[in-house]
Amino acid sequence: MTFPTPLPFPVELARNQALSGPRLTAARNDHEAVATWLAKYTDNRHTLDSYRREAERLMLWATWHDKDLPGLMVEDVLAYKAFLSDPQPVDLWCQQTEPRTLPDGSPNPLYRQVRRVTRRLPDGSANPTWRPFVSGLSASAVKQTTTILFGLFEHLAAIGYVHANPLRAAAKRTRKGQRQGQERYFDAAAWAALKECIEAMPKETAREAAHYHRTRFLFSFLYLTGLRRFEMAKARTSDLRFKRGQWWLEVLGKGSVEGVVPLPADALEAIKSYRESTGRPALPPSGTDEPLLMDLTGVGRPLSDRAIYAIVKEVCRQAANSVAADQPDLARQIDSGSTHWLRHTSASHQIDRGVDPFIVQRNLRHASFSTTEGYIHKDRDQQHQETEKHTITDVPS
């Protein structure tokens, strides 16, 4: 199977095609239209690869059903969501046909670890053994894919390539009183468990000690600054700025938007302590251009955002295991954590400590204050008590 060539679909087939209103693209087919969407994410290779993969899978499925993207209706995107968890026929869509475990939970003796199959052979020709999937996606992966494709269709509608977003129409409405899902941040107990886990890391060998210092710096710096994972991976000493007695970090955020993040005293101390652990000066000399976070080779190579994610997930796993016996609910919360949880935690704890929410919005570089509002986790009793101050009799003069 190879990436399909756009088919010359007749206009009457593309029922969701934008036939009126402003058209902001010269794209003549799905490939060109999707390329305008992917062009917005060229600053982050991981995001670009992920988004390209999901767009490609959808286009392959649509072509298999003799449709193009403007031809996908609500019924189609619902069918595609069901397909993601169980791609059929398996031999056409999946590399792996045997599950890792049997229905009773025991290992499947027929399972074999699948090596990643590239789409192209060394000579550049299509690889006939390549498949879009390894196996069906989990529920969380289907949800993530749907979120990505929702953004794709929003973009296609905005530029006039399609008339409307079928995934928006297909989205389930949250009923009143329905749980909104787990809040993605570490509360005080979870944060304490994570810190204890890091401090308990082995430090006997030079490599163990280096890994400990790097992990301690990573968690501290993400917590104190609220940086995104890819921003942490790209941060360099040349991005540090000292202005009017204060330290700042220049960052290139989502959508290549430039910003500056204040570095509180603890964040600066975290940098100094980590650099000293690598044998470097506490503060980088003028003109130094090194990654803020480095691998363990000692030669100053940056750590990838994938490696950052893996480190955080491993610490979360170990911290969850350490409290699972006595506090299973806390363990489940910690085990679900990720790098983005640290960003949420940074915002939530800043607000809980009395930092003005509008300052937190600037620190995290949220375009909308409504995003920052989601990090305000005031206890409902406290919320009610504070609101009691607002009476109809004691009107401020």
Protein backbone atom coordinates (compact mmCIF):
# COMPACT_ATOMS: atom_id res chain seq x y z
CA MET A 1 0.00 0.00 0.00
CA THR A 2 1.34 3.41 -0.93
CA PHE A 3 0.13 6.94 -0.36
CA PRO A 4 -2.81 7.34 -2.75
CA THR A 5 -2.79 9.69 -5.69
CA PRO A 6 -5.69 12.16 -5.43
CA LEU A 7 -8.58 10.89 -7.49
CA PRO A 8 -10.50 13.23 -9.82
CA PHE A 9 -13.70 13.12 -7.78
CA PRO A 10 -16.74 14.77 -9.41
CA VAL A 11 -18.12 17.86 -7.70
CA GLU A 12 -21.40 16.15 -6.85
CA LEU A 13 -19.50 13.60 -4.73
CA ALA A 14 -17.84 16.25 -2.56
CA ARG A 15 -21.02 17.25 -0.75
CA ASN A 16 -19.16 19.15 2.00
CA GLN A 17 -17.21 21.25 -0.47
CA ALA A 18 -17.31 24.98 0.14
CA LEU A 19 -19.12 26.34 -2.90
CA SER A 20 -19.67 29.85 -1.52
CA GLY A 21 -17.91 32.23 0.83
CA PRO A 22 -14.25 33.27 0.82
CA ARG A 23 -11.76 30.68 -0.40
CA LEU A 24 -8.34 31.34 1.10
CA THR A 25 -6.39 28.55 -0.57
CA ALA A 26 -5.32 27.60 -4.06
CA ALA A 27 -5.22 23.91 -3.08
CA ARG A 28 -6.55 21.72 -5.87
CA ASN A 29 -6.76 18.45 -3.93
CA ASP A 30 -6.56 16.89 -0.49
CA HIS A 31 -2.77 16.63 -0.52
CA GLU A 32 -2.28 20.32 -1.22
CA ALA A 33 -4.95 21.35 1.28
CA VAL A 34 -3.47 19.20 4.05
CA ALA A 35 -0.02 20.58 3.24
CA THR A 36 -1.25 24.09 4.14
CA TRP A 37 -2.26 22.73 7.56
CA LEU A 38 1.00 20.85 8.17
CA ALA A 39 3.01 23.94 7.21
CA LYS A 40 1.93 25.51 10.51
CA TYR A 41 3.81 22.87 12.50
CA THR A 42 7.19 22.72 10.79
CA ASP A 43 8.86 24.18 13.91
CA ASN A 44 8.20 20.96 15.87
CA ARG A 45 9.28 17.73 14.15
CA HIS A 46 7.47 15.48 16.62
CA THR A 47 4.15 17.30 16.18
CA LEU A 48 4.60 17.49 12.42
CA ASP A 49 5.25 13.75 12.12
CA SER A 50 2.29 12.91 14.34
CA TYR A 51 -0.12 15.19 12.48
CA ARG A 52 1.10 14.00 9.07
CA ARG A 53 0.58 10.37 10.11
CA GLU A 54 -3.02 10.96 11.20
CA ALA A 55 -3.87 12.94 8.07
CA GLU A 56 -2.35 10.23 5.91
CA ARG A 57 -4.33 7.47 7.63
CA LEU A 58 -7.58 9.38 7.15
CA MET A 59 -6.84 10.08 3.48
CA LEU A 60 -6.00 6.42 2.86
CA TRP A 61 -9.26 5.35 4.51
CA ALA A 62 -11.26 7.93 2.57
CA THR A 63 -9.71 6.84 -0.74
CA TRP A 64 -10.45 3.20 0.14
CA HIS A 65 -14.11 4.27 0.37
CA ASP A 66 -13.97 6.30 -2.87
CA LYS A 67 -14.14 9.64 -1.07
CA ASP A 68 -12.02 12.73 -0.68
CA LEU A 69 -11.93 14.95 2.43
CA PRO A 70 -14.76 17.27 1.31
CA GLY A 71 -16.80 14.14 0.68
CA LEU A 72 -16.66 12.97 4.32
CA MET A 73 -19.96 13.39 6.15
CA VAL A 74 -20.78 12.97 9.84
CA GLU A 75 -21.56 9.29 9.25
CA ASP A 76 -18.14 8.84 7.66
CA VAL A 77 -16.12 10.34 10.50
CA LEU A 78 -18.08 8.27 13.04
CA ALA A 79 -17.32 5.17 10.99
CA TYR A 80 -13.66 6.16 10.85
CA LYS A 81 -13.48 6.52 14.65
CA ALA A 82 -14.84 2.98 14.99
CA PHE A 83 -12.37 1.80 12.35
CA LEU A 84 -9.39 3.20 14.29
CA SER A 85 -9.90 0.78 17.18
CA ASP A 86 -10.35 -2.21 14.86
CA PRO A 87 -8.89 -1.63 11.37
CA GLN A 88 -10.35 -4.17 8.95
CA PRO A 89 -9.24 -6.04 6.95
CA VAL A 90 -6.31 -6.48 9.30
CA ASP A 91 -3.86 -7.83 6.74
CA LEU A 92 -4.38 -4.73 4.61
CA TRP A 93 -4.13 -2.11 7.34
CA CYS A 94 -1.98 -3.55 10.14
CA GLN A 95 1.57 -4.82 10.52
CA GLN A 96 0.76 -6.77 13.69
CA THR A 97 -2.04 -9.33 13.57
CA GLU A 98 -1.49 -11.06 16.92
CA PRO A 99 -2.23 -9.29 20.24
CA ARG A 100 0.46 -9.10 22.91
CA THR A 101 -1.76 -10.90 25.45
CA LEU A 102 -4.56 -13.44 25.29
CA PRO A 103 -8.09 -12.64 26.58
CA ASP A 104 -7.21 -14.16 29.97
CA GLY A 105 -4.27 -11.76 30.33
CA SER A 106 -1.54 -14.33 29.74
CA PRO A 107 1.24 -13.72 27.17
CA ASN A 108 0.39 -14.69 23.60
CA PRO A 109 3.04 -17.15 22.34
CA LEU A 110 2.31 -16.08 18.74
CA TYR A 111 3.05 -12.42 19.43
CA ARG A 112 6.25 -11.06 17.97
CA GLN A 113 7.66 -7.60 18.51
CA VAL A 114 7.16 -5.67 15.30
CA ARG A 115 10.08 -3.79 13.86
CA ARG A 116 9.18 -0.43 12.41
CA VAL A 117 8.65 -0.85 8.67
CA THR A 118 9.58 2.16 6.58
CA ARG A 119 7.32 3.30 3.77
CA ARG A 120 10.20 3.49 1.34
CA LEU A 121 12.89 0.96 0.45
CA PRO A 122 16.54 2.09 0.26
CA ASP A 123 16.16 2.62 -3.51
CA GLY A 124 13.26 5.03 -2.92
CA SER A 125 10.52 2.71 -4.17
CA ALA A 126 7.38 1.96 -2.17
CA ASN A 127 7.72 -0.75 0.47
CA PRO A 128 4.96 -3.33 -0.18
CA THR A 129 5.09 -4.54 3.45
CA TRP A 130 4.38 -1.10 4.94
CA ARG A 131 1.02 -0.65 6.69
CA PRO A 132 -0.53 2.46 8.29
CA PHE A 133 -1.17 0.73 11.64
CA VAL A 134 0.62 -1.70 13.89
CA SER A 135 -2.70 -2.70 15.43
CA GLY A 136 -5.98 -1.11 16.49
CA LEU A 137 -5.68 2.03 18.60
CA SER A 138 -6.55 2.23 22.28
CA ALA A 139 -9.44 4.41 23.45
CA SER A 140 -7.06 7.19 24.52
CA ALA A 141 -5.21 7.02 21.18
CA VAL A 142 -8.52 7.25 19.28
CA LYS A 143 -9.39 10.31 21.33
CA GLN A 144 -6.03 11.91 20.56
CA THR A 145 -6.39 11.13 16.85
CA THR A 146 -9.87 12.64 16.83
CA THR A 147 -8.52 15.81 18.44
CA ILE A 148 -5.81 16.10 15.78
CA LEU A 149 -8.27 15.56 12.92
CA PHE A 150 -10.70 18.02 14.49
CA GLY A 151 -7.96 20.64 14.14
CA LEU A 152 -7.39 19.57 10.53
CA PHE A 153 -11.03 20.03 9.57
CA GLU A 154 -11.21 23.34 11.44
CA HIS A 155 -8.32 24.53 9.28
CA LEU A 156 -9.85 23.21 6.06
CA ALA A 157 -13.12 24.97 6.88
CA ALA A 158 -11.30 28.20 7.73
CA ILE A 159 -9.51 28.30 4.37
CA GLY A 160 -12.65 27.35 2.44
CA TYR A 161 -11.58 23.89 1.28
CA VAL A 162 -14.57 22.29 3.05
CA HIS A 163 -17.84 23.90 4.04
CA ALA A 164 -17.96 22.67 7.65
CA ASN A 165 -16.16 20.44 10.15
CA PRO A 166 -17.94 17.05 10.26
CA LEU A 167 -16.19 16.15 13.52
CA ARG A 168 -17.68 19.20 15.20
CA ALA A 169 -21.16 17.99 14.24
CA ALA A 170 -20.27 14.45 15.36
CA ALA A 171 -18.90 15.49 18.76
CA LYS A 172 -20.76 14.27 21.82
CA ARG A 173 -22.29 17.01 23.88
CA THR A 174 -21.46 16.87 27.59
CA ARG A 175 -24.62 16.42 29.57
CA LYS A 176 -25.31 18.58 32.56
CA GLY A 177 -23.84 16.96 35.64
CA GLN A 178 -21.63 14.61 33.64
CA ARG A 179 -18.07 14.29 34.94
CA GLN A 180 -15.59 16.30 32.94
CA GLY A 181 -12.78 13.79 33.42
CA GLN A 182 -9.63 13.84 35.47
CA GLU A 183 -7.99 17.19 36.14
CA ARG A 184 -4.55 16.97 34.63
CA TYR A 185 -2.33 18.38 37.35
CA PHE A 186 -0.47 17.15 40.42
CA ASP A 187 -2.00 18.18 43.72
CA ALA A 188 0.16 18.78 46.79
CA ALA A 189 0.27 15.09 47.78
CA ALA A 190 1.19 13.97 44.27
CA TRP A 191 3.88 16.63 43.93
CA ALA A 192 5.38 15.61 47.28
CA ALA A 193 5.45 11.95 46.18
CA LEU A 194 7.23 12.89 42.95
CA LYS A 195 9.88 14.89 44.81
CA GLU A 196 10.47 12.03 47.25
CA CYS A 197 10.84 9.62 44.34
CA ILE A 198 13.45 11.83 42.67
CA GLU A 199 15.44 12.26 45.88
CA ALA A 200 15.43 8.48 46.35
CA MET A 201 17.01 7.86 42.94
CA PRO A 202 20.33 5.94 43.03
CA LYS A 203 23.47 8.08 42.96
CA GLU A 204 26.27 5.53 43.51
CA THR A 205 27.81 5.60 40.04
CA ALA A 206 28.75 8.68 38.04
CA ARG A 207 26.03 7.94 35.50
CA GLU A 208 23.38 7.44 38.19
CA ALA A 209 24.37 10.72 39.83
CA ALA A 210 24.25 12.53 36.49
CA HIS A 211 20.80 11.11 35.77
CA TYR A 212 19.59 12.16 39.22
CA HIS A 213 20.83 15.75 38.85
CA ARG A 214 19.36 16.03 35.36
CA THR A 215 15.99 14.62 36.45
CA ARG A 216 15.88 16.90 39.48
CA PHE A 217 16.62 19.92 37.29
CA LEU A 218 14.07 18.89 34.66
CA PHE A 219 11.18 18.58 37.13
CA SER A 220 12.19 21.71 39.04
CA PHE A 221 12.57 23.86 35.94
CA LEU A 222 9.35 22.71 34.26
CA TYR A 223 7.48 23.27 37.52
CA LEU A 224 8.95 26.73 38.12
CA THR A 225 8.60 28.02 34.56
CA GLY A 226 5.65 26.12 33.08
CA LEU A 227 7.56 25.50 29.85
CA ARG A 228 6.17 23.14 27.26
CA ARG A 229 8.17 20.00 26.56
CA PHE A 230 9.46 21.12 23.17
CA GLU A 231 10.36 24.53 24.63
CA MET A 232 12.45 22.81 27.28
CA ALA A 233 14.18 20.72 24.63
CA LYS A 234 15.06 23.82 22.60
CA ALA A 235 16.09 26.06 25.53
CA ARG A 236 19.72 27.15 25.40
CA THR A 237 22.03 29.21 27.54
CA SER A 238 22.10 31.86 24.81
CA ASP A 239 18.37 32.36 25.49
CA LEU A 240 19.04 33.60 29.03
CA ARG A 241 18.68 37.34 29.52
CA PHE A 242 19.63 39.53 32.52
CA LYS A 243 17.65 42.77 32.54
CA ARG A 244 17.34 45.31 35.36
CA GLY A 245 18.57 42.82 37.94
CA GLN A 246 16.21 40.04 36.82
CA TRP A 247 16.71 36.84 34.83
CA TRP A 248 14.49 35.90 31.90
CA LEU A 249 14.35 33.10 29.35
CA GLU A 250 13.45 33.85 25.74
CA VAL A 251 11.37 31.07 24.17
CA LEU A 252 9.86 30.28 20.81
CA GLY A 253 6.46 28.83 21.65
CA LYS A 254 3.54 27.32 19.76
CA GLY A 255 3.09 28.68 16.29
CA SER A 256 6.63 30.14 16.43
CA VAL A 257 5.37 32.89 18.74
CA GLU A 258 8.24 34.55 20.62
CA GLY A 259 7.92 35.12 24.35
CA VAL A 260 9.86 35.71 27.55
CA VAL A 261 9.47 33.73 30.76
CA PRO A 262 10.54 35.16 34.13
CA LEU A 263 13.02 33.00 36.04
CA PRO A 264 12.38 33.16 39.79
CA ALA A 265 15.29 32.71 42.19
CA ASP A 266 14.62 28.96 42.57
CA ALA A 267 14.71 28.47 38.80
CA LEU A 268 18.07 30.23 38.58
CA GLU A 269 19.41 28.12 41.44
CA ALA A 270 18.20 25.00 39.66
CA ILE A 271 20.21 26.01 36.58
CA LYS A 272 23.31 26.69 38.68
CA SER A 273 23.09 23.43 40.61
CA TYR A 274 22.57 21.36 37.46
CA ARG A 275 25.40 23.01 35.55
CA GLU A 276 27.79 22.56 38.47
CA SER A 277 26.87 18.86 38.59
CA THR A 278 28.10 18.58 34.97
CA GLY A 279 31.40 20.29 35.79
CA ARG A 280 30.40 23.58 34.16
CA PRO A 281 30.36 27.10 35.64
CA ALA A 282 27.19 27.80 37.60
CA LEU A 283 26.28 30.59 35.22
CA PRO A 284 27.25 30.28 31.55
CA PRO A 285 29.99 32.73 30.50
CA SER A 286 28.99 35.42 28.04
CA GLY A 287 28.72 34.05 24.51
CA THR A 288 28.12 30.45 25.61
CA ASP A 289 25.55 28.59 23.56
CA GLU A 290 24.71 25.23 25.16
CA PRO A 291 21.46 23.35 25.77
CA LEU A 292 19.97 24.04 29.18
CA LEU A 293 19.17 20.31 29.40
CA MET A 294 21.75 17.84 28.09
CA ASP A 295 22.17 14.14 27.53
CA LEU A 296 24.54 12.10 29.67
CA THR A 297 27.46 11.95 27.23
CA GLY A 298 29.05 15.02 28.80
CA VAL A 299 29.69 16.70 25.44
CA GLY A 300 26.77 19.12 25.65
CA ARG A 301 24.27 17.51 23.31
CA PRO A 302 20.60 18.49 23.78
CA LEU A 303 17.97 16.11 25.09
CA SER A 304 15.09 15.50 22.67
CA ASP A 305 11.51 16.27 23.66
CA ARG A 306 10.72 12.55 23.38
CA ALA A 307 13.48 11.75 25.87
CA ILE A 308 12.12 14.44 28.20
CA TYR A 309 8.68 12.87 28.01
CA ALA A 310 10.11 9.40 28.72
CA ILE A 311 12.01 10.63 31.80
CA VAL A 312 8.92 12.29 33.26
CA LYS A 313 6.74 9.25 32.60
CA GLU A 314 9.27 6.92 34.23
CA VAL A 315 9.44 9.05 37.38
CA CYS A 316 5.63 9.16 37.48
CA ARG A 317 5.52 5.38 37.20
CA GLN A 318 8.04 4.87 39.99
CA ALA A 319 6.35 7.43 42.26
CA ALA A 320 2.97 5.79 41.65
CA ASN A 321 4.38 2.38 42.55
CA SER A 322 5.82 3.79 45.77
CA VAL A 323 2.39 4.89 47.08
CA ALA A 324 0.15 2.29 45.39
CA ALA A 325 -0.18 0.00 48.41
CA ASP A 326 -1.36 2.70 50.85
CA GLN A 327 -2.87 5.30 48.50
CA PRO A 328 -4.20 3.66 45.32
CA ASP A 329 -6.18 6.74 44.22
CA LEU A 330 -3.09 8.93 44.53
CA ALA A 331 -1.07 6.32 42.63
CA ARG A 332 -3.54 6.39 39.74
CA GLN A 333 -3.33 10.17 39.58
CA ILE A 334 0.47 10.18 39.52
CA ASP A 335 0.71 7.33 37.01
CA SER A 336 -1.44 9.32 34.56
CA GLY A 337 0.93 12.29 34.73
CA SER A 338 3.06 13.64 31.91
CA THR A 339 5.15 16.66 31.00
CA HIS A 340 2.03 18.67 30.25
CA TRP A 341 0.77 17.91 33.74
CA LEU A 342 3.81 19.77 35.05
CA ARG A 343 2.77 22.81 33.04
CA HIS A 344 -0.76 22.60 34.48
CA THR A 345 0.70 22.11 37.96
CA SER A 346 2.93 25.16 37.59
CA ALA A 347 -0.06 27.32 36.70
CA SER A 348 -2.34 25.85 39.35
CA HIS A 349 0.18 26.17 42.17
CA GLN A 350 1.08 29.73 41.15
CA ILE A 351 -2.58 30.71 41.38
CA ASP A 352 -3.04 28.81 44.66
CA ARG A 353 -0.12 30.78 46.11
CA GLY A 354 -1.77 34.06 45.21
CA VAL A 355 -0.08 34.95 41.93
CA ASP A 356 -2.44 37.11 39.88
CA PRO A 357 -4.11 34.82 37.28
CA PHE A 358 -3.45 37.41 34.58
CA ILE A 359 0.26 37.23 35.42
CA VAL A 360 0.05 33.42 35.17
CA GLN A 361 -1.56 33.85 31.76
CA ARG A 362 1.44 35.92 30.65
CA ASN A 363 3.92 33.47 32.19
CA LEU A 364 2.40 30.52 30.32
CA ARG A 365 1.72 32.65 27.22
CA HIS A 366 -1.91 31.66 26.90
CA ALA A 367 -3.65 33.48 24.07
CA SER A 368 -6.95 33.42 25.99
CA PHE A 369 -7.56 33.95 29.69
CA SER A 370 -10.22 31.23 29.58
CA THR A 371 -7.38 28.70 29.25
CA THR A 372 -5.75 30.01 32.42
CA GLU A 373 -9.07 29.92 34.25
CA GLY A 374 -9.06 26.15 33.88
CA TYR A 375 -6.10 25.99 36.26
CA ILE A 376 -7.92 27.65 39.17
CA HIS A 377 -8.64 24.79 41.56
CA LYS A 378 -10.18 26.56 44.50
CA ASP A 379 -11.89 24.32 47.00
CA ARG A 380 -15.66 24.67 46.61
CA ASP A 381 -16.12 25.41 50.31
CA GLN A 382 -13.57 28.20 50.07
CA GLN A 383 -15.23 29.41 46.89
CA HIS A 384 -18.57 29.60 48.69
CA GLN A 385 -17.09 31.27 51.77
CA GLU A 386 -15.37 33.92 49.69
CA THR A 387 -18.57 34.60 47.75
CA GLU A 388 -20.42 35.17 51.04
CA LYS A 389 -18.53 38.48 51.26
CA HIS A 390 -20.69 39.72 48.41
CA THR A 391 -23.95 40.91 50.00
CA ILE A 392 -26.79 43.14 48.93
CA THR A 393 -26.58 45.32 52.06
CA ASP A 394 -22.87 46.14 52.37
CA VAL A 395 -22.41 47.87 49.05
CA PRO A 396 -18.91 49.36 48.72
CA SER A 397 -18.91 53.12 48.51
